[in-house]
C-alpha atoms as a PDB file:
ATOM      1  CA  UNK A   1     -23.556 -21.882  -5.036  1.00  0.00           C
ATOM      2  CA  UNK A   2     -24.209 -18.216  -4.371  1.00  0.00           C
ATOM      3  CA  UNK A   3     -23.359 -15.559  -6.965  1.00  0.00           C
ATOM      4  CA  UNK A   4     -21.736 -13.471  -4.216  1.00  0.00           C
ATOM      5  CA  UNK A   5     -18.951 -15.962  -3.526  1.00  0.00           C
ATOM      6  CA  UNK A   6     -15.634 -14.178  -3.919  1.00  0.00           C
ATOM      7  CA  UNK A   7     -17.350 -10.803  -4.266  1.00  0.00           C
ATOM      8  CA  UNK A   8     -15.599  -8.040  -2.374  1.00  0.00           C
ATOM      9  CA  UNK A   9     -17.522  -5.001  -1.177  1.00  0.00           C
ATOM     10  CA  UNK A  10     -16.523  -1.786  -2.926  1.00  0.00           C
ATOM     11  CA  UNK A  11     -13.924   0.373  -1.232  1.00  0.00           C
ATOM     12  CA  UNK A  12     -15.261   3.277   0.775  1.00  0.00           C
ATOM     13  CA  UNK A  13     -14.725   6.799  -0.461  1.00  0.00           C
ATOM     14  CA  UNK A  14     -14.818  10.196   1.150  1.00  0.00           C
ATOM     15  CA  UNK A  15     -18.000  12.207   0.817  1.00  0.00           C
ATOM     16  CA  UNK A  16     -18.534  15.909   0.375  1.00  0.00           C
ATOM     17  CA  UNK A  17     -20.055  17.262   3.622  1.00  0.00           C
ATOM     18  CA  UNK A  18     -22.152  19.723   1.591  1.00  0.00           C
ATOM     19  CA  UNK A  19     -23.709  17.636  -1.210  1.00  0.00           C
ATOM     20  CA  UNK A  20     -22.813  14.155   0.136  1.00  0.00           C
ATOM     21  CA  UNK A  21     -21.488  12.978  -3.223  1.00  0.00           C
ATOM     22  CA  UNK A  22     -18.614  10.473  -3.167  1.00  0.00           C
ATOM     23  CA  UNK A  23     -15.179  11.875  -3.978  1.00  0.00           C
ATOM     24  CA  UNK A  24     -12.701   9.479  -5.540  1.00  0.00           C
ATOM     25  CA  UNK A  25      -9.563  11.662  -5.426  1.00  0.00           C
ATOM     26  CA  UNK A  26      -8.788  13.384  -2.159  1.00  0.00           C
ATOM     27  CA  UNK A  27      -5.853  15.753  -1.693  1.00  0.00           C
ATOM     28  CA  UNK A  28      -4.364  15.286   1.773  1.00  0.00           C
ATOM     29  CA  UNK A  29      -2.186  18.407   1.792  1.00  0.00           C
ATOM     30  CA  UNK A  30      -4.142  21.149   0.019  1.00  0.00           C
ATOM     31  CA  UNK A  31      -7.770  22.277  -0.175  1.00  0.00           C
ATOM     32  CA  UNK A  32      -9.605  21.179  -3.306  1.00  0.00           C
ATOM     33  CA  UNK A  33     -13.041  21.784  -4.845  1.00  0.00           C
ATOM     34  CA  UNK A  34     -15.779  19.178  -4.765  1.00  0.00           C
ATOM     35  CA  UNK A  35     -16.230  17.955  -8.359  1.00  0.00           C
ATOM     36  CA  UNK A  36     -20.029  18.002  -7.925  1.00  0.00           C
ATOM     37  CA  UNK A  37     -20.896  21.194  -6.022  1.00  0.00           C
ATOM     38  CA  UNK A  38     -17.609  23.194  -6.303  1.00  0.00           C
ATOM     39  CA  UNK A  39     -17.433  23.887  -2.550  1.00  0.00           C
ATOM     40  CA  UNK A  40     -13.864  23.872  -1.260  1.00  0.00           C
ATOM     41  CA  UNK A  41     -12.905  20.989   1.017  1.00  0.00           C
ATOM     42  CA  UNK A  42      -9.880  19.909   3.014  1.00  0.00           C
ATOM     43  CA  UNK A  43      -8.659  16.908   4.990  1.00  0.00           C
ATOM     44  CA  UNK A  44      -7.995  17.756   8.656  1.00  0.00           C
ATOM     45  CA  UNK A  45      -4.278  17.623   9.456  1.00  0.00           C
ATOM     46  CA  UNK A  46      -4.805  15.195  12.349  1.00  0.00           C
ATOM     47  CA  UNK A  47      -5.799  12.483   9.841  1.00  0.00           C
ATOM     48  CA  UNK A  48      -2.272  12.178   8.431  1.00  0.00           C
ATOM     49  CA  UNK A  49      -0.658  12.512  11.853  1.00  0.00           C
ATOM     50  CA  UNK A  50      -2.909   9.845  13.358  1.00  0.00           C
ATOM     51  CA  UNK A  51      -2.161   7.274  10.638  1.00  0.00           C
ATOM     52  CA  UNK A  52       1.570   8.066  10.771  1.00  0.00           C
ATOM     53  CA  UNK A  53       1.613   7.301  14.489  1.00  0.00           C
ATOM     54  CA  UNK A  54      -0.445   4.145  13.955  1.00  0.00           C
ATOM     55  CA  UNK A  55       2.097   2.998  11.342  1.00  0.00           C
ATOM     56  CA  UNK A  56       4.936   3.746  13.778  1.00  0.00           C
ATOM     57  CA  UNK A  57       3.212   1.732  16.505  1.00  0.00           C
ATOM     58  CA  UNK A  58       2.576  -1.197  14.160  1.00  0.00           C
ATOM     59  CA  UNK A  59       6.207  -1.076  13.027  1.00  0.00           C
ATOM     60  CA  UNK A  60       7.683  -1.068  16.533  1.00  0.00           C
ATOM     61  CA  UNK A  61       5.258  -3.762  17.748  1.00  0.00           C
ATOM     62  CA  UNK A  62       6.016  -5.974  14.736  1.00  0.00           C
ATOM     63  CA  UNK A  63       9.780  -5.619  15.096  1.00  0.00           C
ATOM     64  CA  UNK A  64       9.534  -6.307  18.823  1.00  0.00           C
ATOM     65  CA  UNK A  65       7.353  -9.368  18.213  1.00  0.00           C
ATOM     66  CA  UNK A  66       9.988 -10.657  15.796  1.00  0.00           C
ATOM     67  CA  UNK A  67      12.581 -10.478  18.569  1.00  0.00           C
ATOM     68  CA  UNK A  68      14.321  -7.142  18.009  1.00  0.00           C
ATOM     69  CA  UNK A  69      15.492  -5.439  21.211  1.00  0.00           C
ATOM     70  CA  UNK A  70      17.540  -2.353  22.101  1.00  0.00           C
ATOM     71  CA  UNK A  71      19.429  -0.639  19.288  1.00  0.00           C
ATOM     72  CA  UNK A  72      18.410  -3.371  16.839  1.00  0.00           C
ATOM     73  CA  UNK A  73      14.747  -2.555  17.564  1.00  0.00           C
ATOM     74  CA  UNK A  74      15.402   1.109  16.757  1.00  0.00           C
ATOM     75  CA  UNK A  75      17.259   0.279  13.536  1.00  0.00           C
ATOM     76  CA  UNK A  76      14.682  -2.300  12.418  1.00  0.00           C
ATOM     77  CA  UNK A  77      11.850   0.142  13.156  1.00  0.00           C
ATOM     78  CA  UNK A  78      13.476   2.902  11.102  1.00  0.00           C
ATOM     79  CA  UNK A  79      14.055   0.538   8.171  1.00  0.00           C
ATOM     80  CA  UNK A  80      10.557  -0.993   8.314  1.00  0.00           C
ATOM     81  CA  UNK A  81       8.634   2.247   8.954  1.00  0.00           C
ATOM     82  CA  UNK A  82       8.279   3.403   5.337  1.00  0.00           C
ATOM     83  CA  UNK A  83       7.056   0.076   3.925  1.00  0.00           C
ATOM     84  CA  UNK A  84       4.535  -0.158   6.783  1.00  0.00           C
ATOM     85  CA  UNK A  85       3.484   3.467   6.216  1.00  0.00           C
ATOM     86  CA  UNK A  86       2.976   2.716   2.516  1.00  0.00           C
ATOM     87  CA  UNK A  87       0.783  -0.293   3.313  1.00  0.00           C
ATOM     88  CA  UNK A  88      -1.139   1.677   5.932  1.00  0.00           C
ATOM     89  CA  UNK A  89      -1.698   4.594   3.532  1.00  0.00           C
ATOM     90  CA  UNK A  90      -3.108   2.194   0.933  1.00  0.00           C
ATOM     91  CA  UNK A  91      -5.347   0.631   3.569  1.00  0.00           C
ATOM     92  CA  UNK A  92      -6.551   3.922   5.024  1.00  0.00           C
ATOM     93  CA  UNK A  93      -7.461   5.398   1.649  1.00  0.00           C
ATOM     94  CA  UNK A  94      -9.522   2.340   0.717  1.00  0.00           C
ATOM     95  CA  UNK A  95     -11.074   1.287   4.015  1.00  0.00           C
ATOM     96  CA  UNK A  96     -10.896   4.343   6.307  1.00  0.00           C
ATOM     97  CA  UNK A  97     -11.138   7.394   4.037  1.00  0.00           C
ATOM     98  CA  UNK A  98     -10.851  10.824   5.630  1.00  0.00           C
ATOM     99  CA  UNK A  99     -13.869  12.868   6.611  1.00  0.00           C
ATOM    100  CA  UNK A 100     -13.713  16.054   4.636  1.00  0.00           C
ATOM    101  CA  UNK A 101     -14.384  19.516   6.039  1.00  0.00           C
ATOM    102  CA  UNK A 102     -15.620  22.585   4.153  1.00  0.00           C
ATOM    103  CA  UNK A 103     -13.291  25.567   3.911  1.00  0.00           C
ATOM    104  CA  UNK A 104     -12.925  28.920   2.203  1.00  0.00           C
ATOM    105  CA  UNK A 105     -11.396  29.163  -1.222  1.00  0.00           C
ATOM    106  CA  UNK A 106      -7.578  29.356  -0.952  1.00  0.00           C
ATOM    107  CA  UNK A 107      -6.064  32.807  -1.530  1.00  0.00           C
ATOM    108  CA  UNK A 108      -4.039  31.754  -4.566  1.00  0.00           C
ATOM    109  CA  UNK A 109      -7.282  30.575  -6.183  1.00  0.00           C
ATOM    110  CA  UNK A 110      -8.999  33.876  -5.363  1.00  0.00           C
ATOM    111  CA  UNK A 111      -6.260  35.796  -7.167  1.00  0.00           C
ATOM    112  CA  UNK A 112      -6.431  33.589 -10.282  1.00  0.00           C
ATOM    113  CA  UNK A 113     -10.131  33.229 -11.195  1.00  0.00           C
END
């Protein structure tokens, strides 16, 4: 029996585009400094929008596949959207982490050294 049976590969993590070090905690809304090289990084806004629309599509397709039609499809999709979005956000952070982009230091950080 192999020692790798039941072994799961480690989850992917985002990497700093400057020093290429892995970053465990990524802030989706605000720029943040790389813990290794201190360059400021951000997650492109399209990343959150893309996964929100994917979650909406999965929700509507799932509700439709379960037989919901018309106004019931709309209601079921609204109710199921947030649980699906939660599951998708967990999945995307562990298996499809965002590609980070370098940016300038935020103004509020410049004023408070």
